[in-house]
Amino acid sequence: MVRDGYFYGVGCLAVAVAVGSFTGVWALSVIPLLLAAFFLWFFRDPEREIPTEPGAIVSPGDGRVTETVRIQTPAGERQRISIFLSVFNVHVNRAPIAGTYASVRYQKGKYLNAMNPASAEQNEQTIATLRGEGTEVTFKVIAGLLARRIVFFHHEGDTVERGQRVGLIKFGSRVDVILPVEAALRVKVGDRVKGGISILASMEGR
């Protein structure tokens, strides 16, 4: 479990005990008890068996693929895969490839619904570019309508392994993965993916 789960969960348990003790009406403690259970569940952080397939690019997060599209960037044409995370998904983020961070940039912004295409550019987000395994992958961790805090563990120059935990988004959000145009996609719109497990695309043999 992520440390935040204990913080929120224990806090709600303390409120439940205080309400019941001071009022003598323990039924009033039901709401904070339910909130405690929700937070302990929401901040779960299950172990994952990371694929070892050469050239695999894995999903940075759990959720549903909402878009696969070709885009133009200052570096040329790329592919973008967008993944929507609901409050029911695990919100721990993982590295899509093994490599070194060429850049890590935080951008302040709005809190539009993560399903809105405009959220990819206008919302609060952390943008990280990894170079390794013979390629370069950029992933954006984007705040949503409910998400009000992005936690990212690393800085430019840090090295990570494929599927390694890299951060956390709180309460619903979006992750965009920007891939080389020659990457062979393994997912389509509507697919459910899991961070560190699901292979989004492959560079092997390309």
N, C-alpha and C. Protein backbone atom coordinates (compact mmCIF):
# COMPACT_ATOMS: atom_id res chain seq x y z
N MET A 1 0.83 -1.20 0.00
CA MET A 1 0.00 0.00 0.00
C MET A 1 0.88 1.26 0.00
N VAL A 2 0.42 2.28 -0.72
CA VAL A 2 1.12 3.55 -0.72
C VAL A 2 0.98 4.20 0.66
N ARG A 3 2.03 4.88 1.09
CA ARG A 3 2.04 5.50 2.42
C ARG A 3 0.84 6.40 2.67
N ASP A 4 0.38 7.10 1.61
CA ASP A 4 -0.77 8.01 1.76
C ASP A 4 -2.02 7.29 2.25
N GLY A 5 -2.14 6.00 1.90
CA GLY A 5 -3.30 5.23 2.33
C GLY A 5 -3.39 5.14 3.84
N TYR A 6 -2.25 4.93 4.48
CA TYR A 6 -2.23 4.88 5.94
C TYR A 6 -2.55 6.25 6.54
N PHE A 7 -2.03 7.30 5.91
CA PHE A 7 -2.27 8.65 6.40
C PHE A 7 -3.77 8.98 6.40
N TYR A 8 -4.41 8.78 5.24
CA TYR A 8 -5.84 9.08 5.13
C TYR A 8 -6.68 8.09 5.92
N GLY A 9 -6.32 6.81 5.83
CA GLY A 9 -7.11 5.76 6.49
C GLY A 9 -7.09 5.89 7.99
N VAL A 10 -5.88 6.06 8.56
CA VAL A 10 -5.76 6.20 10.01
C VAL A 10 -6.42 7.48 10.48
N GLY A 11 -6.31 8.53 9.67
CA GLY A 11 -6.96 9.80 10.02
C GLY A 11 -8.47 9.64 10.14
N CYS A 12 -9.06 8.94 9.18
CA CYS A 12 -10.51 8.73 9.21
C CYS A 12 -10.92 7.82 10.37
N LEU A 13 -10.08 6.82 10.68
CA LEU A 13 -10.36 5.95 11.83
C LEU A 13 -10.35 6.76 13.12
N ALA A 14 -9.39 7.68 13.23
CA ALA A 14 -9.30 8.53 14.42
C ALA A 14 -10.55 9.40 14.55
N VAL A 15 -11.02 9.93 13.42
CA VAL A 15 -12.24 10.74 13.43
C VAL A 15 -13.43 9.90 13.87
N ALA A 16 -13.51 8.66 13.36
CA ALA A 16 -14.62 7.77 13.72
C ALA A 16 -14.65 7.51 15.22
N VAL A 17 -13.48 7.25 15.81
CA VAL A 17 -13.40 7.00 17.25
C VAL A 17 -13.78 8.25 18.04
N ALA A 18 -13.27 9.40 17.58
CA ALA A 18 -13.56 10.65 18.28
C ALA A 18 -15.05 10.98 18.25
N VAL A 19 -15.67 10.81 17.08
CA VAL A 19 -17.10 11.11 16.95
C VAL A 19 -17.92 10.20 17.85
N GLY A 20 -17.60 8.90 17.82
CA GLY A 20 -18.34 7.96 18.65
C GLY A 20 -18.15 8.21 20.13
N SER A 21 -16.92 8.56 20.53
CA SER A 21 -16.61 8.77 21.95
C SER A 21 -17.27 10.03 22.50
N PHE A 22 -17.23 11.10 21.72
CA PHE A 22 -17.74 12.37 22.22
C PHE A 22 -19.26 12.46 22.14
N THR A 23 -19.86 11.80 21.15
CA THR A 23 -21.32 11.88 21.01
C THR A 23 -22.04 10.72 21.68
N GLY A 24 -21.34 9.61 21.83
CA GLY A 24 -21.97 8.42 22.38
C GLY A 24 -22.87 7.72 21.37
N VAL A 25 -22.92 8.26 20.17
CA VAL A 25 -23.74 7.68 19.09
C VAL A 25 -22.78 7.08 18.06
N TRP A 26 -22.49 5.81 18.21
CA TRP A 26 -21.49 5.19 17.35
C TRP A 26 -21.95 5.05 15.91
N ALA A 27 -23.26 5.16 15.69
CA ALA A 27 -23.76 5.10 14.31
C ALA A 27 -23.22 6.25 13.47
N LEU A 28 -22.88 7.37 14.16
CA LEU A 28 -22.33 8.52 13.43
C LEU A 28 -20.92 8.25 12.92
N SER A 29 -20.30 7.18 13.42
CA SER A 29 -18.94 6.84 13.00
C SER A 29 -18.90 6.06 11.69
N VAL A 30 -20.08 5.69 11.20
CA VAL A 30 -20.13 4.85 9.99
C VAL A 30 -19.48 5.55 8.79
N ILE A 31 -19.79 6.83 8.60
CA ILE A 31 -19.26 7.55 7.42
C ILE A 31 -17.73 7.63 7.46
N PRO A 32 -17.11 8.09 8.55
CA PRO A 32 -15.64 8.11 8.55
C PRO A 32 -15.02 6.71 8.46
N LEU A 33 -15.72 5.69 8.97
CA LEU A 33 -15.22 4.31 8.85
C LEU A 33 -15.24 3.87 7.39
N LEU A 34 -16.31 4.23 6.68
CA LEU A 34 -16.39 3.89 5.26
C LEU A 34 -15.32 4.63 4.46
N LEU A 35 -15.08 5.87 4.82
CA LEU A 35 -14.02 6.63 4.15
C LEU A 35 -12.66 6.01 4.41
N ALA A 36 -12.43 5.56 5.63
CA ALA A 36 -11.16 4.91 5.97
C ALA A 36 -10.97 3.66 5.11
N ALA A 37 -12.03 2.87 4.98
CA ALA A 37 -11.94 1.66 4.16
C ALA A 37 -11.67 2.00 2.70
N PHE A 38 -12.31 3.07 2.21
CA PHE A 38 -12.09 3.49 0.82
C PHE A 38 -10.64 3.90 0.59
N PHE A 39 -10.10 4.71 1.48
CA PHE A 39 -8.73 5.19 1.30
C PHE A 39 -7.73 4.04 1.37
N LEU A 40 -7.94 3.11 2.28
CA LEU A 40 -7.03 1.96 2.39
C LEU A 40 -7.08 1.12 1.12
N TRP A 41 -8.27 1.03 0.51
CA TRP A 41 -8.41 0.28 -0.75
C TRP A 41 -7.84 1.07 -1.93
N PHE A 42 -8.14 2.38 -1.99
CA PHE A 42 -7.73 3.19 -3.12
C PHE A 42 -6.22 3.25 -3.27
N PHE A 43 -5.50 3.35 -2.18
CA PHE A 43 -4.05 3.50 -2.24
C PHE A 43 -3.32 2.15 -2.25
N ARG A 44 -4.01 1.11 -2.68
CA ARG A 44 -3.36 -0.19 -2.81
C ARG A 44 -2.23 -0.12 -3.84
N ASP A 45 -1.23 -0.95 -3.65
CA ASP A 45 -0.06 -0.94 -4.54
C ASP A 45 0.39 -2.38 -4.77
N PRO A 46 -0.33 -3.12 -5.61
CA PRO A 46 -0.02 -4.54 -5.79
C PRO A 46 1.32 -4.76 -6.50
N GLU A 47 1.95 -5.88 -6.18
CA GLU A 47 3.16 -6.26 -6.90
C GLU A 47 2.78 -6.67 -8.32
N ARG A 48 3.67 -6.41 -9.26
CA ARG A 48 3.41 -6.73 -10.66
C ARG A 48 4.57 -7.52 -11.25
N GLU A 49 4.25 -8.49 -12.10
CA GLU A 49 5.27 -9.26 -12.81
C GLU A 49 5.53 -8.55 -14.14
N ILE A 50 6.68 -7.90 -14.25
CA ILE A 50 6.98 -7.06 -15.40
C ILE A 50 7.44 -7.90 -16.59
N PRO A 51 6.88 -7.69 -17.78
CA PRO A 51 7.29 -8.45 -18.96
C PRO A 51 8.78 -8.23 -19.28
N THR A 52 9.44 -9.27 -19.73
CA THR A 52 10.86 -9.18 -20.09
C THR A 52 11.07 -9.21 -21.60
N GLU A 53 9.99 -9.20 -22.35
CA GLU A 53 10.08 -9.24 -23.81
C GLU A 53 10.91 -8.07 -24.35
N PRO A 54 11.92 -8.34 -25.18
CA PRO A 54 12.73 -7.26 -25.74
C PRO A 54 11.89 -6.27 -26.54
N GLY A 55 12.15 -4.98 -26.33
CA GLY A 55 11.46 -3.94 -27.09
C GLY A 55 10.07 -3.60 -26.61
N ALA A 56 9.61 -4.24 -25.53
CA ALA A 56 8.25 -3.98 -25.04
C ALA A 56 8.16 -2.62 -24.35
N ILE A 57 7.07 -1.93 -24.61
CA ILE A 57 6.76 -0.66 -23.94
C ILE A 57 5.50 -0.92 -23.13
N VAL A 58 5.61 -0.87 -21.81
CA VAL A 58 4.48 -1.24 -20.96
C VAL A 58 3.68 -0.02 -20.54
N SER A 59 2.47 -0.26 -20.09
CA SER A 59 1.60 0.83 -19.67
C SER A 59 2.11 1.47 -18.38
N PRO A 60 2.11 2.80 -18.31
CA PRO A 60 2.51 3.48 -17.07
C PRO A 60 1.44 3.42 -15.98
N GLY A 61 0.21 3.03 -16.36
CA GLY A 61 -0.85 3.03 -15.36
C GLY A 61 -1.99 2.09 -15.70
N ASP A 62 -2.84 1.84 -14.71
CA ASP A 62 -4.04 1.05 -14.90
C ASP A 62 -5.13 1.93 -15.51
N GLY A 63 -6.00 1.34 -16.30
CA GLY A 63 -7.11 2.12 -16.83
C GLY A 63 -7.60 1.61 -18.16
N ARG A 64 -8.31 2.48 -18.89
CA ARG A 64 -8.90 2.12 -20.18
C ARG A 64 -8.30 2.99 -21.27
N VAL A 65 -7.92 2.36 -22.38
CA VAL A 65 -7.38 3.10 -23.52
C VAL A 65 -8.51 3.89 -24.18
N THR A 66 -8.36 5.20 -24.24
CA THR A 66 -9.41 6.05 -24.81
C THR A 66 -9.05 6.61 -26.17
N GLU A 67 -7.74 6.52 -26.54
CA GLU A 67 -7.34 7.07 -27.83
C GLU A 67 -6.00 6.50 -28.26
N THR A 68 -5.88 6.20 -29.54
CA THR A 68 -4.58 5.92 -30.16
C THR A 68 -4.55 6.75 -31.44
N VAL A 69 -3.59 7.66 -31.53
CA VAL A 69 -3.62 8.62 -32.64
C VAL A 69 -2.19 9.04 -32.99
N ARG A 70 -2.00 9.44 -34.21
CA ARG A 70 -0.72 10.01 -34.64
C ARG A 70 -0.77 11.52 -34.42
N ILE A 71 0.30 12.06 -33.92
CA ILE A 71 0.36 13.49 -33.63
C ILE A 71 1.64 14.09 -34.18
N GLN A 72 1.64 15.39 -34.34
CA GLN A 72 2.85 16.11 -34.74
C GLN A 72 3.47 16.77 -33.52
N THR A 73 4.77 16.58 -33.32
CA THR A 73 5.50 17.20 -32.22
C THR A 73 6.66 18.00 -32.81
N PRO A 74 7.31 18.85 -32.03
CA PRO A 74 8.48 19.57 -32.54
C PRO A 74 9.58 18.63 -33.06
N ALA A 75 9.60 17.38 -32.57
CA ALA A 75 10.60 16.40 -33.00
C ALA A 75 10.13 15.57 -34.19
N GLY A 76 8.90 15.82 -34.66
CA GLY A 76 8.37 15.07 -35.78
C GLY A 76 7.13 14.29 -35.43
N GLU A 77 6.72 13.39 -36.31
CA GLU A 77 5.50 12.62 -36.09
C GLU A 77 5.70 11.56 -35.02
N ARG A 78 4.70 11.40 -34.15
CA ARG A 78 4.73 10.41 -33.08
C ARG A 78 3.35 9.76 -32.96
N GLN A 79 3.28 8.70 -32.16
CA GLN A 79 2.01 8.08 -31.81
C GLN A 79 1.70 8.38 -30.35
N ARG A 80 0.41 8.60 -30.06
CA ARG A 80 0.01 8.86 -28.68
C ARG A 80 -1.08 7.87 -28.27
N ILE A 81 -0.86 7.27 -27.12
CA ILE A 81 -1.87 6.41 -26.51
C ILE A 81 -2.35 7.09 -25.24
N SER A 82 -3.66 7.29 -25.11
CA SER A 82 -4.22 7.93 -23.93
C SER A 82 -4.95 6.89 -23.08
N ILE A 83 -4.71 6.94 -21.77
CA ILE A 83 -5.30 5.98 -20.83
C ILE A 83 -6.02 6.76 -19.74
N PHE A 84 -7.30 6.44 -19.54
CA PHE A 84 -8.09 7.10 -18.50
C PHE A 84 -8.12 6.24 -17.25
N LEU A 85 -7.79 6.84 -16.10
CA LEU A 85 -7.82 6.16 -14.81
C LEU A 85 -9.02 6.66 -14.03
N SER A 86 -9.91 5.77 -13.66
CA SER A 86 -11.04 6.14 -12.82
C SER A 86 -10.63 5.98 -11.35
N VAL A 87 -11.51 6.36 -10.44
CA VAL A 87 -11.20 6.23 -9.01
C VAL A 87 -11.12 4.76 -8.59
N PHE A 88 -11.56 3.85 -9.46
CA PHE A 88 -11.53 2.43 -9.13
C PHE A 88 -10.22 1.75 -9.53
N ASN A 89 -9.37 2.47 -10.27
CA ASN A 89 -8.10 1.90 -10.72
C ASN A 89 -6.98 2.12 -9.71
N VAL A 90 -5.96 1.26 -9.76
CA VAL A 90 -4.72 1.51 -9.02
C VAL A 90 -4.10 2.78 -9.60
N HIS A 91 -3.64 3.67 -8.74
CA HIS A 91 -3.12 4.96 -9.21
C HIS A 91 -1.61 5.11 -9.07
N VAL A 92 -0.92 4.02 -8.81
CA VAL A 92 0.55 4.04 -8.82
C VAL A 92 1.01 3.97 -10.27
N ASN A 93 1.92 4.85 -10.66
CA ASN A 93 2.44 4.88 -12.03
C ASN A 93 3.78 4.16 -12.13
N ARG A 94 4.04 3.61 -13.32
CA ARG A 94 5.26 2.82 -13.54
C ARG A 94 5.96 3.24 -14.84
N ALA A 95 7.25 3.00 -14.90
CA ALA A 95 8.05 3.38 -16.06
C ALA A 95 7.72 2.49 -17.26
N PRO A 96 7.46 3.08 -18.44
CA PRO A 96 7.13 2.28 -19.62
C PRO A 96 8.30 1.51 -20.21
N ILE A 97 9.52 2.02 -20.04
CA ILE A 97 10.72 1.34 -20.51
C ILE A 97 11.83 1.54 -19.48
N ALA A 98 12.89 0.75 -19.61
CA ALA A 98 14.08 0.99 -18.80
C ALA A 98 14.89 2.09 -19.48
N GLY A 99 15.44 2.99 -18.69
CA GLY A 99 16.23 4.06 -19.30
C GLY A 99 16.58 5.16 -18.33
N THR A 100 17.04 6.26 -18.89
CA THR A 100 17.43 7.44 -18.12
C THR A 100 16.51 8.59 -18.49
N TYR A 101 16.10 9.34 -17.51
CA TYR A 101 15.24 10.49 -17.78
C TYR A 101 16.03 11.59 -18.49
N ALA A 102 15.65 11.85 -19.75
CA ALA A 102 16.26 12.95 -20.48
C ALA A 102 15.68 14.28 -20.00
N SER A 103 14.44 14.24 -19.53
CA SER A 103 13.81 15.44 -18.97
C SER A 103 12.64 15.04 -18.09
N VAL A 104 12.38 15.84 -17.07
CA VAL A 104 11.21 15.71 -16.20
C VAL A 104 10.72 17.12 -15.94
N ARG A 105 9.50 17.41 -16.35
CA ARG A 105 9.00 18.78 -16.25
C ARG A 105 7.59 18.80 -15.66
N TYR A 106 7.39 19.64 -14.67
CA TYR A 106 6.06 19.83 -14.07
C TYR A 106 5.41 21.05 -14.70
N GLN A 107 4.13 20.93 -15.04
CA GLN A 107 3.38 22.02 -15.65
C GLN A 107 2.12 22.30 -14.86
N LYS A 108 1.97 23.50 -14.37
CA LYS A 108 0.74 23.88 -13.71
C LYS A 108 -0.37 23.98 -14.74
N GLY A 109 -1.61 23.83 -14.30
CA GLY A 109 -2.70 23.91 -15.26
C GLY A 109 -4.06 23.77 -14.64
N LYS A 110 -5.03 23.46 -15.50
CA LYS A 110 -6.42 23.35 -15.09
C LYS A 110 -6.71 21.94 -14.57
N TYR A 111 -7.98 21.72 -14.21
CA TYR A 111 -8.44 20.40 -13.77
C TYR A 111 -9.67 20.02 -14.57
N LEU A 112 -9.51 20.03 -15.91
CA LEU A 112 -10.59 19.61 -16.78
C LEU A 112 -10.82 18.11 -16.63
N ASN A 113 -12.01 17.65 -17.01
CA ASN A 113 -12.28 16.22 -17.02
C ASN A 113 -11.22 15.52 -17.87
N ALA A 114 -10.62 14.46 -17.34
CA ALA A 114 -9.53 13.77 -18.04
C ALA A 114 -9.98 13.15 -19.35
N MET A 115 -11.29 12.99 -19.57
CA MET A 115 -11.80 12.47 -20.84
C MET A 115 -11.81 13.54 -21.92
N ASN A 116 -11.68 14.79 -21.52
CA ASN A 116 -11.67 15.92 -22.46
C ASN A 116 -10.32 15.97 -23.16
N PRO A 117 -10.28 15.93 -24.51
CA PRO A 117 -8.99 15.98 -25.21
C PRO A 117 -8.13 17.18 -24.84
N ALA A 118 -8.77 18.29 -24.47
CA ALA A 118 -8.03 19.49 -24.11
C ALA A 118 -7.20 19.30 -22.84
N SER A 119 -7.56 18.32 -22.01
CA SER A 119 -6.84 18.10 -20.76
C SER A 119 -5.39 17.69 -21.01
N ALA A 120 -5.11 17.10 -22.18
CA ALA A 120 -3.76 16.64 -22.50
C ALA A 120 -2.77 17.79 -22.53
N GLU A 121 -3.25 19.00 -22.85
CA GLU A 121 -2.36 20.16 -22.93
C GLU A 121 -2.60 21.17 -21.82
N GLN A 122 -3.85 21.26 -21.34
CA GLN A 122 -4.21 22.35 -20.44
C GLN A 122 -4.17 21.99 -18.96
N ASN A 123 -4.27 20.71 -18.62
CA ASN A 123 -4.33 20.32 -17.20
C ASN A 123 -2.96 20.30 -16.54
N GLU A 124 -2.98 20.32 -15.21
CA GLU A 124 -1.76 20.12 -14.44
C GLU A 124 -1.17 18.76 -14.82
N GLN A 125 0.15 18.70 -15.00
CA GLN A 125 0.76 17.44 -15.43
C GLN A 125 2.27 17.43 -15.19
N THR A 126 2.79 16.23 -15.14
CA THR A 126 4.23 16.02 -15.14
C THR A 126 4.58 15.29 -16.44
N ILE A 127 5.55 15.82 -17.16
CA ILE A 127 5.94 15.28 -18.46
C ILE A 127 7.35 14.73 -18.33
N ALA A 128 7.50 13.43 -18.57
CA ALA A 128 8.80 12.78 -18.41
C ALA A 128 9.19 12.07 -19.70
N THR A 129 10.45 12.23 -20.10
CA THR A 129 10.97 11.57 -21.29
C THR A 129 12.07 10.61 -20.89
N LEU A 130 11.90 9.34 -21.26
CA LEU A 130 12.89 8.30 -20.97
C LEU A 130 13.61 7.90 -22.25
N ARG A 131 14.93 7.76 -22.15
CA ARG A 131 15.73 7.25 -23.26
C ARG A 131 16.42 5.97 -22.82
N GLY A 132 16.19 4.92 -23.59
CA GLY A 132 16.78 3.64 -23.26
C GLY A 132 16.20 2.55 -24.12
N GLU A 133 16.80 1.37 -24.09
CA GLU A 133 16.35 0.24 -24.88
C GLU A 133 16.25 0.59 -26.36
N GLY A 134 17.12 1.50 -26.81
CA GLY A 134 17.17 1.87 -28.22
C GLY A 134 16.06 2.77 -28.69
N THR A 135 15.35 3.40 -27.78
CA THR A 135 14.25 4.27 -28.18
C THR A 135 14.06 5.40 -27.17
N GLU A 136 13.07 6.23 -27.43
CA GLU A 136 12.71 7.33 -26.53
C GLU A 136 11.19 7.34 -26.38
N VAL A 137 10.74 7.38 -25.13
CA VAL A 137 9.31 7.38 -24.83
C VAL A 137 9.02 8.51 -23.86
N THR A 138 8.02 9.31 -24.18
CA THR A 138 7.56 10.37 -23.28
C THR A 138 6.21 9.97 -22.71
N PHE A 139 6.04 10.16 -21.42
CA PHE A 139 4.73 9.91 -20.83
C PHE A 139 4.33 11.09 -19.96
N LYS A 140 3.04 11.43 -20.07
CA LYS A 140 2.48 12.54 -19.32
C LYS A 140 1.55 12.00 -18.24
N VAL A 141 1.78 12.39 -17.02
CA VAL A 141 0.89 12.04 -15.91
C VAL A 141 0.02 13.27 -15.68
N ILE A 142 -1.27 13.16 -15.99
CA ILE A 142 -2.14 14.32 -16.09
C ILE A 142 -3.22 14.30 -15.01
N ALA A 143 -3.36 15.39 -14.30
CA ALA A 143 -4.42 15.50 -13.30
C ALA A 143 -5.77 15.59 -13.98
N GLY A 144 -6.81 15.09 -13.30
CA GLY A 144 -8.16 15.13 -13.85
C GLY A 144 -9.07 16.03 -13.05
N LEU A 145 -10.37 15.81 -13.19
CA LEU A 145 -11.37 16.64 -12.52
C LEU A 145 -11.27 16.51 -11.01
N LEU A 146 -11.00 15.28 -10.52
CA LEU A 146 -10.91 15.04 -9.08
C LEU A 146 -9.47 15.03 -8.58
N ALA A 147 -8.54 14.67 -9.48
CA ALA A 147 -7.13 14.57 -9.05
C ALA A 147 -6.59 15.96 -8.77
N ARG A 148 -6.03 16.16 -7.59
CA ARG A 148 -5.52 17.47 -7.21
C ARG A 148 -4.05 17.42 -6.81
N ARG A 149 -3.43 16.27 -7.01
CA ARG A 149 -2.02 16.20 -6.66
C ARG A 149 -1.33 15.10 -7.43
N ILE A 150 -0.23 15.45 -8.09
CA ILE A 150 0.61 14.48 -8.79
C ILE A 150 1.89 14.32 -7.99
N VAL A 151 2.23 13.10 -7.66
CA VAL A 151 3.48 12.81 -6.94
C VAL A 151 4.39 12.08 -7.91
N PHE A 152 5.58 12.62 -8.14
CA PHE A 152 6.54 11.99 -9.04
C PHE A 152 7.87 11.85 -8.31
N PHE A 153 8.44 10.65 -8.36
CA PHE A 153 9.58 10.32 -7.51
C PHE A 153 10.94 10.73 -8.08
N HIS A 154 11.02 10.99 -9.40
CA HIS A 154 12.34 11.08 -10.04
C HIS A 154 12.64 12.44 -10.65
N HIS A 155 13.91 12.60 -11.04
CA HIS A 155 14.39 13.84 -11.63
C HIS A 155 15.20 13.53 -12.89
N GLU A 156 15.46 14.57 -13.66
CA GLU A 156 16.28 14.40 -14.86
C GLU A 156 17.62 13.77 -14.49
N GLY A 157 18.02 12.77 -15.27
CA GLY A 157 19.28 12.07 -15.03
C GLY A 157 19.14 10.79 -14.24
N ASP A 158 17.99 10.60 -13.58
CA ASP A 158 17.77 9.35 -12.84
C ASP A 158 17.55 8.19 -13.81
N THR A 159 17.94 7.01 -13.38
CA THR A 159 17.77 5.80 -14.18
C THR A 159 16.72 4.90 -13.54
N VAL A 160 15.86 4.31 -14.36
CA VAL A 160 14.81 3.41 -13.86
C VAL A 160 14.77 2.14 -14.69
N GLU A 161 14.14 1.11 -14.13
CA GLU A 161 13.91 -0.13 -14.84
C GLU A 161 12.49 -0.15 -15.40
N ARG A 162 12.27 -0.93 -16.41
CA ARG A 162 10.93 -1.09 -16.97
C ARG A 162 9.97 -1.57 -15.87
N GLY A 163 8.84 -0.89 -15.75
CA GLY A 163 7.84 -1.28 -14.76
C GLY A 163 8.10 -0.80 -13.36
N GLN A 164 9.20 -0.07 -13.15
CA GLN A 164 9.51 0.44 -11.81
C GLN A 164 8.50 1.52 -11.41
N ARG A 165 8.14 1.57 -10.15
CA ARG A 165 7.22 2.60 -9.66
C ARG A 165 7.87 3.97 -9.82
N VAL A 166 7.11 4.91 -10.39
CA VAL A 166 7.67 6.25 -10.62
C VAL A 166 6.86 7.35 -9.96
N GLY A 167 5.65 7.05 -9.50
CA GLY A 167 4.86 8.11 -8.89
C GLY A 167 3.43 7.68 -8.62
N LEU A 168 2.59 8.69 -8.40
CA LEU A 168 1.20 8.45 -7.97
C LEU A 168 0.35 9.66 -8.35
N ILE A 169 -0.86 9.38 -8.85
CA ILE A 169 -1.84 10.45 -9.05
C ILE A 169 -3.00 10.17 -8.11
N LYS A 170 -3.50 11.20 -7.46
CA LYS A 170 -4.57 11.00 -6.48
C LYS A 170 -5.94 11.29 -7.09
N PHE A 171 -6.78 10.24 -7.12
CA PHE A 171 -8.22 10.36 -7.38
C PHE A 171 -8.60 10.69 -8.82
N GLY A 172 -8.35 9.80 -9.73
CA GLY A 172 -8.85 9.94 -11.10
C GLY A 172 -7.98 10.82 -11.96
N SER A 173 -7.64 10.36 -13.17
CA SER A 173 -6.67 11.10 -13.95
C SER A 173 -6.49 10.48 -15.33
N ARG A 174 -5.39 10.83 -15.96
CA ARG A 174 -5.09 10.38 -17.32
C ARG A 174 -3.59 10.25 -17.48
N VAL A 175 -3.19 9.28 -18.30
CA VAL A 175 -1.78 9.13 -18.66
C VAL A 175 -1.70 9.06 -20.18
N ASP A 176 -0.87 9.90 -20.78
CA ASP A 176 -0.60 9.86 -22.21
C ASP A 176 0.80 9.30 -22.43
N VAL A 177 0.94 8.40 -23.39
CA VAL A 177 2.23 7.83 -23.72
C VAL A 177 2.54 8.19 -25.17
N ILE A 178 3.66 8.85 -25.40
CA ILE A 178 4.04 9.30 -26.74
C ILE A 178 5.20 8.44 -27.23
N LEU A 179 4.94 7.72 -28.32
CA LEU A 179 5.85 6.70 -28.81
C LEU A 179 6.40 7.06 -30.19
N PRO A 180 7.50 6.44 -30.58
CA PRO A 180 7.99 6.60 -31.95
C PRO A 180 6.93 6.13 -32.94
N VAL A 181 6.88 6.74 -34.10
CA VAL A 181 5.85 6.41 -35.08
C VAL A 181 6.00 4.98 -35.58
N GLU A 182 7.21 4.43 -35.49
CA GLU A 182 7.43 3.07 -35.99
C GLU A 182 7.09 1.98 -34.97
N ALA A 183 6.72 2.37 -33.76
CA ALA A 183 6.35 1.36 -32.75
C ALA A 183 5.09 0.62 -33.18
N ALA A 184 5.09 -0.70 -33.00
CA ALA A 184 3.94 -1.53 -33.35
C ALA A 184 2.98 -1.59 -32.17
N LEU A 185 1.79 -1.01 -32.33
CA LEU A 185 0.83 -0.96 -31.23
C LEU A 185 0.28 -2.35 -30.92
N ARG A 186 0.06 -2.59 -29.63
CA ARG A 186 -0.52 -3.87 -29.18
C ARG A 186 -1.89 -3.67 -28.54
N VAL A 187 -2.36 -2.43 -28.49
CA VAL A 187 -3.66 -2.15 -27.85
C VAL A 187 -4.53 -1.34 -28.78
N LYS A 188 -5.82 -1.27 -28.45
CA LYS A 188 -6.77 -0.47 -29.23
C LYS A 188 -7.70 0.24 -28.25
N VAL A 189 -8.45 1.18 -28.76
CA VAL A 189 -9.39 1.94 -27.93
C VAL A 189 -10.39 0.98 -27.29
N GLY A 190 -10.60 1.16 -25.99
CA GLY A 190 -11.52 0.32 -25.24
C GLY A 190 -10.83 -0.76 -24.43
N ASP A 191 -9.57 -1.05 -24.74
CA ASP A 191 -8.84 -2.08 -24.00
C ASP A 191 -8.56 -1.63 -22.57
N ARG A 192 -8.61 -2.58 -21.63
CA ARG A 192 -8.24 -2.32 -20.25
C ARG A 192 -6.77 -2.73 -20.08
N VAL A 193 -5.99 -1.86 -19.47
CA VAL A 193 -4.57 -2.12 -19.29
C VAL A 193 -4.18 -1.99 -17.82
N LYS A 194 -3.05 -2.61 -17.48
CA LYS A 194 -2.52 -2.54 -16.12
C LYS A 194 -1.08 -2.04 -16.16
N GLY A 195 -0.78 -1.13 -15.23
CA GLY A 195 0.54 -0.54 -15.18
C GLY A 195 1.63 -1.57 -14.92
N GLY A 196 2.66 -1.53 -15.77
CA GLY A 196 3.80 -2.41 -15.59
C GLY A 196 3.60 -3.80 -16.17
N ILE A 197 2.37 -4.16 -16.51
CA ILE A 197 2.06 -5.50 -17.01
C ILE A 197 1.69 -5.48 -18.49
N SER A 198 0.73 -4.63 -18.84
CA SER A 198 0.21 -4.62 -20.21
C SER A 198 1.21 -3.99 -21.18
N ILE A 199 1.46 -4.66 -22.28
CA ILE A 199 2.35 -4.14 -23.31
C ILE A 199 1.54 -3.27 -24.27
N LEU A 200 1.87 -1.98 -24.32
CA LEU A 200 1.16 -1.05 -25.20
C LEU A 200 1.66 -1.15 -26.63
N ALA A 201 2.97 -1.34 -26.78
CA ALA A 201 3.58 -1.37 -28.11
C ALA A 201 4.93 -2.07 -28.02
N SER A 202 5.49 -2.34 -29.17
CA SER A 202 6.78 -3.02 -29.21
C SER A 202 7.68 -2.38 -30.26
N MET A 203 8.96 -2.27 -29.94
CA MET A 203 9.96 -1.79 -30.89
C MET A 203 10.76 -2.93 -31.49
N GLU A 204 10.56 -4.14 -31.01
CA GLU A 204 11.36 -5.29 -31.46
C GLU A 204 11.13 -5.56 -32.94
N GLY A 205 12.23 -5.63 -33.69
CA GLY A 205 12.15 -5.96 -35.12
C GLY A 205 11.69 -4.81 -35.98
N ARG A 206 11.56 -3.61 -35.40
CA ARG A 206 11.08 -2.48 -36.20
C ARG A 206 12.26 -1.72 -36.78
